[in-house]
Amino acid sequence: MIIGSGPIVIGQGCEFDYSGTQACKALREEGYRIVLVNSNPATIMTDPEFADRTYIEPITPLACAKIIELESKGKHPIDALLPTLGGQTGLNTAVALADMACWTSSAYR
């Protein structure tokens, strides 16, 4: 699962969207299934060609935990989190998910 950067605001560079898009492309080329969470539908990374499943949801620990739970019931559950491409929002969300013990139920990386 890749956590996007959310809305791009004045003073925030769009490099997070670019790096997230490049990560989606590279990981798909390597055969990984991509689940993307981003609250901004106007970013390039939310284009359907970049992820297998895209969730346009608030980037909050609760929203991400619900997505992890929902995806865990599918054929290909999430087994890794890449929070480093969305700036501080993704990092803070990942730390909160760890504090919520979201990662203890499966073999996550």
PDB file of N, CA and C in Angstrom:
ATOM      1  N   MET A   1       0.850  -1.164   0.000  1.00  0.00           N
ATOM      2  CA  MET A   1       0.000   0.000   0.000  1.00  0.00           C
ATOM      3  C   MET A   1       0.897   1.228   0.000  1.00  0.00           C
ATOM      4  N   ILE A   2       0.594   2.150  -0.877  1.00  0.00           N
ATOM      5  CA  ILE A   2       1.308   3.423  -0.957  1.00  0.00           C
ATOM      6  C   ILE A   2       0.385   4.510  -0.431  1.00  0.00           C
ATOM      7  N   ILE A   3       0.907   5.310   0.486  1.00  0.00           N
ATOM      8  CA  ILE A   3       0.148   6.451   0.997  1.00  0.00           C
ATOM      9  C   ILE A   3       0.592   7.677   0.225  1.00  0.00           C
ATOM     10  N   GLY A   4      -0.355   8.326  -0.443  1.00  0.00           N
ATOM     11  CA  GLY A   4      -0.059   9.514  -1.226  1.00  0.00           C
ATOM     12  C   GLY A   4       0.096  10.744  -0.358  1.00  0.00           C
ATOM     13  N   SER A   5       0.263  11.874  -1.030  1.00  0.00           N
ATOM     14  CA  SER A   5       0.539  13.116  -0.305  1.00  0.00           C
ATOM     15  C   SER A   5      -0.704  13.927   0.020  1.00  0.00           C
ATOM     16  N   GLY A   6      -1.832  13.545  -0.538  1.00  0.00           N
ATOM     17  CA  GLY A   6      -3.045  14.318  -0.285  1.00  0.00           C
ATOM     18  C   GLY A   6      -3.063  15.588  -1.103  1.00  0.00           C
ATOM     19  N   PRO A   7      -3.835  16.577  -0.669  1.00  0.00           N
ATOM     20  CA  PRO A   7      -3.963  17.804  -1.455  1.00  0.00           C
ATOM     21  C   PRO A   7      -2.639  18.558  -1.548  1.00  0.00           C
ATOM     22  N   ILE A   8      -2.377  19.072  -2.717  1.00  0.00           N
ATOM     23  CA  ILE A   8      -1.214  19.928  -2.890  1.00  0.00           C
ATOM     24  C   ILE A   8      -1.658  21.349  -2.584  1.00  0.00           C
ATOM     25  N   VAL A   9      -0.991  21.980  -1.637  1.00  0.00           N
ATOM     26  CA  VAL A   9      -1.367  23.320  -1.208  1.00  0.00           C
ATOM     27  C   VAL A   9      -0.230  24.279  -1.540  1.00  0.00           C
ATOM     28  N   ILE A  10      -0.517  25.550  -1.481  1.00  0.00           N
ATOM     29  CA  ILE A  10       0.505  26.563  -1.753  1.00  0.00           C
ATOM     30  C   ILE A  10       1.656  26.365  -0.773  1.00  0.00           C
ATOM     31  N   GLY A  11       2.838  26.337  -1.309  1.00  0.00           N
ATOM     32  CA  GLY A  11       4.025  26.143  -0.481  1.00  0.00           C
ATOM     33  C   GLY A  11       4.469  24.697  -0.410  1.00  0.00           C
ATOM     34  N   GLN A  12       3.671  23.780  -0.903  1.00  0.00           N
ATOM     35  CA  GLN A  12       4.031  22.360  -0.919  1.00  0.00           C
ATOM     36  C   GLN A  12       4.325  21.985  -2.363  1.00  0.00           C
ATOM     37  N   GLY A  13       5.480  21.432  -2.590  1.00  0.00           N
ATOM     38  CA  GLY A  13       5.856  21.049  -3.939  1.00  0.00           C
ATOM     39  C   GLY A  13       5.079  19.849  -4.426  1.00  0.00           C
ATOM     40  N   CYS A  14       5.002  19.709  -5.724  1.00  0.00           N
ATOM     41  CA  CYS A  14       4.298  18.569  -6.313  1.00  0.00           C
ATOM     42  C   CYS A  14       5.226  17.371  -6.474  1.00  0.00           C
ATOM     43  N   GLU A  15       6.455  17.453  -5.926  1.00  0.00           N
ATOM     44  CA  GLU A  15       7.377  16.331  -6.076  1.00  0.00           C
ATOM     45  C   GLU A  15       6.868  15.068  -5.397  1.00  0.00           C
ATOM     46  N   PHE A  16       6.024  15.202  -4.406  1.00  0.00           N
ATOM     47  CA  PHE A  16       5.477  14.003  -3.762  1.00  0.00           C
ATOM     48  C   PHE A  16       4.585  13.239  -4.729  1.00  0.00           C
ATOM     49  N   ASP A  17       3.809  13.949  -5.521  1.00  0.00           N
ATOM     50  CA  ASP A  17       2.973  13.292  -6.518  1.00  0.00           C
ATOM     51  C   ASP A  17       3.841  12.618  -7.568  1.00  0.00           C
ATOM     52  N   TYR A  18       4.880  13.288  -8.007  1.00  0.00           N
ATOM     53  CA  TYR A  18       5.774  12.718  -9.012  1.00  0.00           C
ATOM     54  C   TYR A  18       6.470  11.468  -8.469  1.00  0.00           C
ATOM     55  N   SER A  19       7.005  11.543  -7.262  1.00  0.00           N
ATOM     56  CA  SER A  19       7.718  10.383  -6.708  1.00  0.00           C
ATOM     57  C   SER A  19       6.759   9.225  -6.462  1.00  0.00           C
ATOM     58  N   GLY A  20       5.551   9.523  -6.030  1.00  0.00           N
ATOM     59  CA  GLY A  20       4.559   8.464  -5.832  1.00  0.00           C
ATOM     60  C   GLY A  20       4.167   7.796  -7.131  1.00  0.00           C
ATOM     61  N   THR A  21       4.022   8.600  -8.181  1.00  0.00           N
ATOM     62  CA  THR A  21       3.693   8.057  -9.498  1.00  0.00           C
ATOM     63  C   THR A  21       4.814   7.156 -10.002  1.00  0.00           C
ATOM     64  N   GLN A  22       6.049   7.601  -9.843  1.00  0.00           N
ATOM     65  CA  GLN A  22       7.188   6.794 -10.274  1.00  0.00           C
ATOM     66  C   GLN A  22       7.292   5.502  -9.470  1.00  0.00           C
ATOM     67  N   ALA A  23       6.979   5.561  -8.178  1.00  0.00           N
ATOM     68  CA  ALA A  23       6.993   4.349  -7.350  1.00  0.00           C
ATOM     69  C   ALA A  23       5.936   3.362  -7.823  1.00  0.00           C
ATOM     70  N   CYS A  24       4.747   3.858  -8.112  1.00  0.00           N
ATOM     71  CA  CYS A  24       3.683   2.977  -8.617  1.00  0.00           C
ATOM     72  C   CYS A  24       4.122   2.295  -9.905  1.00  0.00           C
ATOM     73  N   LYS A  25       4.692   3.063 -10.820  1.00  0.00           N
ATOM     74  CA  LYS A  25       5.131   2.502 -12.095  1.00  0.00           C
ATOM     75  C   LYS A  25       6.217   1.451 -11.894  1.00  0.00           C
ATOM     76  N   ALA A  26       7.216   1.774 -11.080  1.00  0.00           N
ATOM     77  CA  ALA A  26       8.337   0.854 -10.873  1.00  0.00           C
ATOM     78  C   ALA A  26       7.896  -0.424 -10.173  1.00  0.00           C
ATOM     79  N   LEU A  27       7.065  -0.296  -9.157  1.00  0.00           N
ATOM     80  CA  LEU A  27       6.610  -1.487  -8.429  1.00  0.00           C
ATOM     81  C   LEU A  27       5.725  -2.369  -9.299  1.00  0.00           C
ATOM     82  N   ARG A  28       4.877  -1.767 -10.118  1.00  0.00           N
ATOM     83  CA  ARG A  28       4.045  -2.561 -11.041  1.00  0.00           C
ATOM     84  C   ARG A  28       4.905  -3.299 -12.058  1.00  0.00           C
ATOM     85  N   GLU A  29       5.944  -2.638 -12.550  1.00  0.00           N
ATOM     86  CA  GLU A  29       6.850  -3.297 -13.495  1.00  0.00           C
ATOM     87  C   GLU A  29       7.537  -4.508 -12.857  1.00  0.00           C
ATOM     88  N   GLU A  30       7.723  -4.457 -11.539  1.00  0.00           N
ATOM     89  CA  GLU A  30       8.342  -5.570 -10.813  1.00  0.00           C
ATOM     90  C   GLU A  30       7.325  -6.650 -10.436  1.00  0.00           C
ATOM     91  N   GLY A  31       6.062  -6.417 -10.765  1.00  0.00           N
ATOM     92  CA  GLY A  31       5.037  -7.423 -10.518  1.00  0.00           C
ATOM     93  C   GLY A  31       4.254  -7.267  -9.231  1.00  0.00           C
ATOM     94  N   TYR A  32       4.453  -6.160  -8.518  1.00  0.00           N
ATOM     95  CA  TYR A  32       3.711  -5.939  -7.274  1.00  0.00           C
ATOM     96  C   TYR A  32       2.305  -5.434  -7.573  1.00  0.00           C
ATOM     97  N   ARG A  33       1.372  -5.803  -6.717  1.00  0.00           N
ATOM     98  CA  ARG A  33       0.012  -5.271  -6.770  1.00  0.00           C
ATOM     99  C   ARG A  33       0.014  -3.982  -5.958  1.00  0.00           C
ATOM    100  N   ILE A  34      -0.490  -2.911  -6.541  1.00  0.00           N
ATOM    101  CA  ILE A  34      -0.428  -1.592  -5.918  1.00  0.00           C
ATOM    102  C   ILE A  34      -1.802  -1.186  -5.402  1.00  0.00           C
ATOM    103  N   VAL A  35      -1.850  -0.880  -4.105  1.00  0.00           N
ATOM    104  CA  VAL A  35      -3.028  -0.278  -3.487  1.00  0.00           C
ATOM    105  C   VAL A  35      -2.597   1.124  -3.077  1.00  0.00           C
ATOM    106  N   LEU A  36      -3.294   2.119  -3.590  1.00  0.00           N
ATOM    107  CA  LEU A  36      -2.936   3.513  -3.359  1.00  0.00           C
ATOM    108  C   LEU A  36      -4.022   4.198  -2.544  1.00  0.00           C
ATOM    109  N   VAL A  37      -3.591   4.970  -1.561  1.00  0.00           N
ATOM    110  CA  VAL A  37      -4.511   5.799  -0.783  1.00  0.00           C
ATOM    111  C   VAL A  37      -4.079   7.247  -0.975  1.00  0.00           C
ATOM    112  N   ASN A  38      -5.007   8.074  -1.455  1.00  0.00           N
ATOM    113  CA  ASN A  38      -4.716   9.489  -1.634  1.00  0.00           C
ATOM    114  C   ASN A  38      -6.030  10.242  -1.522  1.00  0.00           C
ATOM    115  N   SER A  39      -5.997  11.345  -0.838  1.00  0.00           N
ATOM    116  CA  SER A  39      -7.232  12.120  -0.658  1.00  0.00           C
ATOM    117  C   SER A  39      -7.470  13.118  -1.783  1.00  0.00           C
ATOM    118  N   ASN A  40      -6.530  13.240  -2.696  1.00  0.00           N
ATOM    119  CA  ASN A  40      -6.646  14.219  -3.769  1.00  0.00           C
ATOM    120  C   ASN A  40      -6.846  13.514  -5.113  1.00  0.00           C
ATOM    121  N   PRO A  41      -8.052  13.535  -5.653  1.00  0.00           N
ATOM    122  CA  PRO A  41      -8.289  12.868  -6.940  1.00  0.00           C
ATOM    123  C   PRO A  41      -7.662  13.593  -8.121  1.00  0.00           C
ATOM    124  N   ALA A  42      -7.151  14.801  -7.920  1.00  0.00           N
ATOM    125  CA  ALA A  42      -6.595  15.582  -9.020  1.00  0.00           C
ATOM    126  C   ALA A  42      -5.099  15.349  -9.220  1.00  0.00           C
ATOM    127  N   THR A  43      -4.528  14.366  -8.552  1.00  0.00           N
ATOM    128  CA  THR A  43      -3.104  14.095  -8.734  1.00  0.00           C
ATOM    129  C   THR A  43      -2.912  13.071  -9.848  1.00  0.00           C
ATOM    130  N   ILE A  44      -1.716  13.050 -10.408  1.00  0.00           N
ATOM    131  CA  ILE A  44      -1.398  12.108 -11.480  1.00  0.00           C
ATOM    132  C   ILE A  44      -1.427  10.677 -10.944  1.00  0.00           C
ATOM    133  N   MET A  45      -0.953  10.478  -9.713  1.00  0.00           N
ATOM    134  CA  MET A  45      -0.846   9.110  -9.194  1.00  0.00           C
ATOM    135  C   MET A  45      -2.196   8.414  -9.038  1.00  0.00           C
ATOM    136  N   THR A  46      -3.288   9.159  -9.018  1.00  0.00           N
ATOM    137  CA  THR A  46      -4.600   8.523  -8.901  1.00  0.00           C
ATOM    138  C   THR A  46      -5.172   8.105 -10.252  1.00  0.00           C
ATOM    139  N   ASP A  47      -4.433   8.317 -11.321  1.00  0.00           N
ATOM    140  CA  ASP A  47      -4.848   7.834 -12.637  1.00  0.00           C
ATOM    141  C   ASP A  47      -4.953   6.305 -12.580  1.00  0.00           C
ATOM    142  N   PRO A  48      -6.004   5.730 -13.130  1.00  0.00           N
ATOM    143  CA  PRO A  48      -6.216   4.279 -13.013  1.00  0.00           C
ATOM    144  C   PRO A  48      -5.073   3.406 -13.528  1.00  0.00           C
ATOM    145  N   GLU A  49      -4.227   3.928 -14.404  1.00  0.00           N
ATOM    146  CA  GLU A  49      -3.154   3.100 -14.945  1.00  0.00           C
ATOM    147  C   GLU A  49      -2.009   2.871 -13.953  1.00  0.00           C
ATOM    148  N   PHE A  50      -1.968   3.613 -12.848  1.00  0.00           N
ATOM    149  CA  PHE A  50      -0.829   3.519 -11.941  1.00  0.00           C
ATOM    150  C   PHE A  50      -1.027   2.566 -10.776  1.00  0.00           C
ATOM    151  N   ALA A  51      -2.236   2.228 -10.428  1.00  0.00           N
ATOM    152  CA  ALA A  51      -2.469   1.346  -9.283  1.00  0.00           C
ATOM    153  C   ALA A  51      -3.538   0.318  -9.626  1.00  0.00           C
ATOM    154  N   ASP A  52      -3.455  -0.819  -8.953  1.00  0.00           N
ATOM    155  CA  ASP A  52      -4.475  -1.857  -9.137  1.00  0.00           C
ATOM    156  C   ASP A  52      -5.766  -1.480  -8.426  1.00  0.00           C
ATOM    157  N   ARG A  53      -5.618  -0.802  -7.311  1.00  0.00           N
ATOM    158  CA  ARG A  53      -6.781  -0.330  -6.554  1.00  0.00           C
ATOM    159  C   ARG A  53      -6.433   1.030  -5.980  1.00  0.00           C
ATOM    160  N   THR A  54      -7.299   2.004  -6.198  1.00  0.00           N
ATOM    161  CA  THR A  54      -7.075   3.358  -5.690  1.00  0.00           C
ATOM    162  C   THR A  54      -8.220   3.740  -4.767  1.00  0.00           C
ATOM    163  N   TYR A  55      -7.866   4.196  -3.589  1.00  0.00           N
ATOM    164  CA  TYR A  55      -8.853   4.687  -2.624  1.00  0.00           C
ATOM    165  C   TYR A  55      -8.687   6.193  -2.506  1.00  0.00           C
ATOM    166  N   ILE A  56      -9.740   6.925  -2.837  1.00  0.00           N
ATOM    167  CA  ILE A  56      -9.754   8.371  -2.646  1.00  0.00           C
ATOM    168  C   ILE A  56     -10.428   8.587  -1.295  1.00  0.00           C
ATOM    169  N   GLU A  57      -9.603   8.617  -0.276  1.00  0.00           N
ATOM    170  CA  GLU A  57     -10.071   8.708   1.111  1.00  0.00           C
ATOM    171  C   GLU A  57      -9.175   9.677   1.869  1.00  0.00           C
ATOM    172  N   PRO A  58      -9.655  10.178   2.986  1.00  0.00           N
ATOM    173  CA  PRO A  58      -8.780  11.023   3.809  1.00  0.00           C
ATOM    174  C   PRO A  58      -7.546  10.219   4.241  1.00  0.00           C
ATOM    175  N   ILE A  59      -6.413  10.874   4.253  1.00  0.00           N
ATOM    176  CA  ILE A  59      -5.197  10.198   4.703  1.00  0.00           C
ATOM    177  C   ILE A  59      -5.123  10.353   6.212  1.00  0.00           C
ATOM    178  N   THR A  60      -5.829   9.444   6.870  1.00  0.00           N
ATOM    179  CA  THR A  60      -5.855   9.401   8.329  1.00  0.00           C
ATOM    180  C   THR A  60      -5.587   7.962   8.760  1.00  0.00           C
ATOM    181  N   PRO A  61      -5.108   7.778   9.978  1.00  0.00           N
ATOM    182  CA  PRO A  61      -4.885   6.410  10.449  1.00  0.00           C
ATOM    183  C   PRO A  61      -6.151   5.553  10.406  1.00  0.00           C
ATOM    184  N   LEU A  62      -7.279   6.116  10.781  1.00  0.00           N
ATOM    185  CA  LEU A  62      -8.524   5.350  10.795  1.00  0.00           C
ATOM    186  C   LEU A  62      -8.926   4.925   9.387  1.00  0.00           C
ATOM    187  N   ALA A  63      -8.863   5.835   8.431  1.00  0.00           N
ATOM    188  CA  ALA A  63      -9.224   5.496   7.052  1.00  0.00           C
ATOM    189  C   ALA A  63      -8.282   4.433   6.492  1.00  0.00           C
ATOM    190  N   CYS A  64      -6.990   4.574   6.745  1.00  0.00           N
ATOM    191  CA  CYS A  64      -6.020   3.591   6.244  1.00  0.00           C
ATOM    192  C   CYS A  64      -6.202   2.240   6.920  1.00  0.00           C
ATOM    193  N   ALA A  65      -6.523   2.239   8.210  1.00  0.00           N
ATOM    194  CA  ALA A  65      -6.768   0.969   8.918  1.00  0.00           C
ATOM    195  C   ALA A  65      -7.975   0.246   8.328  1.00  0.00           C
ATOM    196  N   LYS A  66      -9.003   0.999   7.981  1.00  0.00           N
ATOM    197  CA  LYS A  66     -10.182   0.382   7.356  1.00  0.00           C
ATOM    198  C   LYS A  66      -9.839  -0.216   5.996  1.00  0.00           C
ATOM    199  N   ILE A  67      -9.000   0.471   5.238  1.00  0.00           N
ATOM    200  CA  ILE A  67      -8.590  -0.042   3.931  1.00  0.00           C
ATOM    201  C   ILE A  67      -7.766  -1.317   4.103  1.00  0.00           C
ATOM    202  N   ILE A  68      -6.855  -1.313   5.055  1.00  0.00           N
ATOM    203  CA  ILE A  68      -6.038  -2.505   5.326  1.00  0.00           C
ATOM    204  C   ILE A  68      -6.940  -3.678   5.705  1.00  0.00           C
ATOM    205  N   GLU A  69      -7.929  -3.423   6.549  1.00  0.00           N
ATOM    206  CA  GLU A  69      -8.861  -4.476   6.951  1.00  0.00           C
ATOM    207  C   GLU A  69      -9.668  -4.982   5.754  1.00  0.00           C
ATOM    208  N   LEU A  70     -10.172  -4.069   4.952  1.00  0.00           N
ATOM    209  CA  LEU A  70     -10.951  -4.447   3.772  1.00  0.00           C
ATOM    210  C   LEU A  70     -10.103  -5.268   2.802  1.00  0.00           C
ATOM    211  N   GLU A  71      -8.897  -4.816   2.538  1.00  0.00           N
ATOM    212  CA  GLU A  71      -8.016  -5.514   1.604  1.00  0.00           C
ATOM    213  C   GLU A  71      -7.549  -6.866   2.153  1.00  0.00           C
ATOM    214  N   SER A  72      -7.494  -7.007   3.471  1.00  0.00           N
ATOM    215  CA  SER A  72      -7.043  -8.276   4.059  1.00  0.00           C
ATOM    216  C   SER A  72      -8.028  -9.408   3.797  1.00  0.00           C
ATOM    217  N   LYS A  73      -9.249  -9.068   3.433  1.00  0.00           N
ATOM    218  CA  LYS A  73     -10.271 -10.077   3.155  1.00  0.00           C
ATOM    219  C   LYS A  73     -10.257 -10.530   1.696  1.00  0.00           C
ATOM    220  N   GLY A  74      -9.427  -9.883   0.889  1.00  0.00           N
ATOM    221  CA  GLY A  74      -9.381 -10.189  -0.541  1.00  0.00           C
ATOM    222  C   GLY A  74      -8.376 -11.274  -0.872  1.00  0.00           C
ATOM    223  N   LYS A  75      -8.262 -11.527  -2.155  1.00  0.00           N
ATOM    224  CA  LYS A  75      -7.363 -12.567  -2.658  1.00  0.00           C
ATOM    225  C   LYS A  75      -5.892 -12.200  -2.453  1.00  0.00           C
ATOM    226  N   HIS A  76      -5.581 -10.902  -2.504  1.00  0.00           N
ATOM    227  CA  HIS A  76      -4.203 -10.431  -2.365  1.00  0.00           C
ATOM    228  C   HIS A  76      -4.136  -9.378  -1.257  1.00  0.00           C
ATOM    229  N   PRO A  77      -4.029  -9.791   0.001  1.00  0.00           N
ATOM    230  CA  PRO A  77      -3.991  -8.808   1.085  1.00  0.00           C
ATOM    231  C   PRO A  77      -2.720  -7.957   1.040  1.00  0.00           C
ATOM    232  N   ILE A  78      -2.796  -6.803   1.627  1.00  0.00           N
ATOM    233  CA  ILE A  78      -1.652  -5.899   1.705  1.00  0.00           C
ATOM    234  C   ILE A  78      -0.607  -6.532   2.618  1.00  0.00           C
ATOM    235  N   ASP A  79       0.643  -6.542   2.165  1.00  0.00           N
ATOM    236  CA  ASP A  79       1.703  -7.091   3.010  1.00  0.00           C
ATOM    237  C   ASP A  79       2.852  -6.116   3.230  1.00  0.00           C
ATOM    238  N   ALA A  80       2.739  -4.910   2.668  1.00  0.00           N
ATOM    239  CA  ALA A  80       3.787  -3.910   2.864  1.00  0.00           C
ATOM    240  C   ALA A  80       3.183  -2.514   2.773  1.00  0.00           C
ATOM    241  N   LEU A  81       3.826  -1.591   3.462  1.00  0.00           N
ATOM    242  CA  LEU A  81       3.395  -0.196   3.446  1.00  0.00           C
ATOM    243  C   LEU A  81       4.568   0.661   3.010  1.00  0.00           C
ATOM    244  N   LEU A  82       4.315   1.561   2.071  1.00  0.00           N
ATOM    245  CA  LEU A  82       5.333   2.494   1.607  1.00  0.00           C
ATOM    246  C   LEU A  82       4.829   3.907   1.915  1.00  0.00           C
ATOM    247  N   PRO A  83       5.165   4.420   3.104  1.00  0.00           N
ATOM    248  CA  PRO A  83       4.649   5.732   3.505  1.00  0.00           C
ATOM    249  C   PRO A  83       5.585   6.889   3.207  1.00  0.00           C
ATOM    250  N   THR A  84       6.738   6.625   2.611  1.00  0.00           N
ATOM    251  CA  THR A  84       7.773   7.651   2.489  1.00  0.00           C
ATOM    252  C   THR A  84       7.640   8.516   1.250  1.00  0.00           C
ATOM    253  N   LEU A  85       6.585   8.343   0.479  1.00  0.00           N
ATOM    254  CA  LEU A  85       6.428   9.113  -0.751  1.00  0.00           C
ATOM    255  C   LEU A  85       5.386  10.219  -0.636  1.00  0.00           C
ATOM    256  N   GLY A  86       4.775  10.336   0.519  1.00  0.00           N
ATOM    257  CA  GLY A  86       3.737  11.339   0.692  1.00  0.00           C
ATOM    258  C   GLY A  86       4.123  12.437   1.651  1.00  0.00           C
ATOM    259  N   GLY A  87       5.397  12.574   1.920  1.00  0.00           N
ATOM    260  CA  GLY A  87       5.829  13.609   2.849  1.00  0.00           C
ATOM    261  C   GLY A  87       5.441  13.268   4.282  1.00  0.00           C
ATOM    262  N   GLN A  88       5.301  14.291   5.076  1.00  0.00           N
ATOM    263  CA  GLN A  88       5.035  14.096   6.507  1.00  0.00           C
ATOM    264  C   GLN A  88       3.683  13.453   6.767  1.00  0.00           C
ATOM    265  N   THR A  89       2.714  13.687   5.900  1.00  0.00           N
ATOM    266  CA  THR A  89       1.383  13.089   6.081  1.00  0.00           C
ATOM    267  C   THR A  89       1.461  11.567   6.093  1.00  0.00           C
ATOM    268  N   GLY A  90       2.148  10.997   5.115  1.00  0.00           N
ATOM    269  CA  GLY A  90       2.294   9.550   5.043  1.00  0.00           C
ATOM    270  C   GLY A  90       3.081   8.986   6.208  1.00  0.00           C
ATOM    271  N   LEU A  91       4.142   9.672   6.583  1.00  0.00           N
ATOM    272  CA  LEU A  91       4.961   9.211   7.710  1.00  0.00           C
ATOM    273  C   LEU A  91       4.174   9.222   9.015  1.00  0.00           C
ATOM    274  N   ASN A  92       3.466  10.316   9.274  1.00  0.00           N
ATOM    275  CA  ASN A  92       2.667  10.405  10.497  1.00  0.00           C
ATOM    276  C   ASN A  92       1.578   9.336  10.530  1.00  0.00           C
ATOM    277  N   THR A  93       0.978   9.085   9.392  1.00  0.00           N
ATOM    278  CA  THR A  93      -0.069   8.065   9.309  1.00  0.00           C
ATOM    279  C   THR A  93       0.510   6.686   9.584  1.00  0.00           C
ATOM    280  N   ALA A  94       1.673   6.391   9.037  1.00  0.00           N
ATOM    281  CA  ALA A  94       2.306   5.087   9.259  1.00  0.00           C
ATOM    282  C   ALA A  94       2.658   4.877  10.725  1.00  0.00           C
ATOM    283  N   VAL A  95       3.175   5.899  11.367  1.00  0.00           N
ATOM    284  CA  VAL A  95       3.510   5.793  12.797  1.00  0.00           C
ATOM    285  C   VAL A  95       2.242   5.552  13.612  1.00  0.00           C
ATOM    286  N   ALA A  96       1.179   6.269  13.286  1.00  0.00           N
ATOM    287  CA  ALA A  96      -0.085   6.076  14.006  1.00  0.00           C
ATOM    288  C   ALA A  96      -0.647   4.675  13.775  1.00  0.00           C
ATOM    289  N   LEU A  97      -0.508   4.142  12.557  1.00  0.00           N
ATOM    290  CA  LEU A  97      -0.972   2.774  12.284  1.00  0.00           C
ATOM    291  C   LEU A  97      -0.181   1.765  13.118  1.00  0.00           C
ATOM    292  N   ALA A  98       1.106   2.004  13.252  1.00  0.00           N
ATOM    293  CA  ALA A  98       1.928   1.118  14.095  1.00  0.00           C
ATOM    294  C   ALA A  98       1.491   1.221  15.548  1.00  0.00           C
ATOM    295  N   ASP A  99       1.209   2.426  16.018  1.00  0.00           N
ATOM    296  CA  ASP A  99       0.733   2.616  17.396  1.00  0.00           C
ATOM    297  C   ASP A  99      -0.615   1.934  17.621  1.00  0.00           C
ATOM    298  N   MET A 100      -1.425   1.855  16.555  1.00  0.00           N
ATOM    299  CA  MET A 100      -2.730   1.198  16.642  1.00  0.00           C
ATOM    300  C   MET A 100      -2.608  -0.321  16.507  1.00  0.00           C
ATOM    301  N   ALA A 101      -1.393  -0.817  16.316  1.00  0.00           N
ATOM    302  CA  ALA A 101      -1.111  -2.251  16.158  1.00  0.00           C
ATOM    303  C   ALA A 101      -1.785  -2.838  14.913  1.00  0.00           C
ATOM    304  N   CYS A 102      -1.886  -2.046  13.856  1.00  0.00           N
ATOM    305  CA  CYS A 102      -2.467  -2.544  12.601  1.00  0.00           C
ATOM    306  C   CYS A 102      -1.606  -3.604  11.955  1.00  0.00           C
ATOM    307  N   TRP A 103      -0.337  -3.638  12.278  1.00  0.00           N
ATOM    308  CA  TRP A 103       0.593  -4.515  11.578  1.00  0.00           C
ATOM    309  C   TRP A 103       0.846  -5.812  12.319  1.00  0.00           C
ATOM    310  N   THR A 104       0.224  -6.040  13.448  1.00  0.00           N
ATOM    311  CA  THR A 104       0.517  -7.250  14.221  1.00  0.00           C
ATOM    312  C   THR A 104      -0.248  -8.475  13.744  1.00  0.00           C
ATOM    313  N   SER A 105      -1.280  -8.300  12.969  1.00  0.00           N
ATOM    314  CA  SER A 105      -2.136  -9.424  12.579  1.00  0.00           C
ATOM    315  C   SER A 105      -1.615 -10.204  11.373  1.00  0.00           C
ATOM    316  N   SER A 106      -0.659  -9.683  10.651  1.00  0.00           N
ATOM    317  CA  SER A 106      -0.132 -10.360   9.460  1.00  0.00           C
ATOM    318  C   SER A 106       1.354 -10.092   9.328  1.00  0.00           C
ATOM    319  N   ALA A 107       1.942 -10.655   8.319  1.00  0.00           N
ATOM    320  CA  ALA A 107       3.368 -10.469   8.058  1.00  0.00           C
ATOM    321  C   ALA A 107       3.569  -9.258   7.150  1.00  0.00           C
ATOM    322  N   TYR A 108       3.620  -8.088   7.733  1.00  0.00           N
ATOM    323  CA  TYR A 108       3.792  -6.862   6.976  1.00  0.00           C
ATOM    324  C   TYR A 108       5.259  -6.487   6.938  1.00  0.00           C
ATOM    325  N   ARG A 109       5.598  -5.756   5.891  1.00  0.00           N
ATOM    326  CA  ARG A 109       6.962  -5.218   5.757  1.00  0.00           C
ATOM    327  C   ARG A 109       6.886  -3.709   5.765  1.00  0.00           C
TER     328      ARG A 109
END
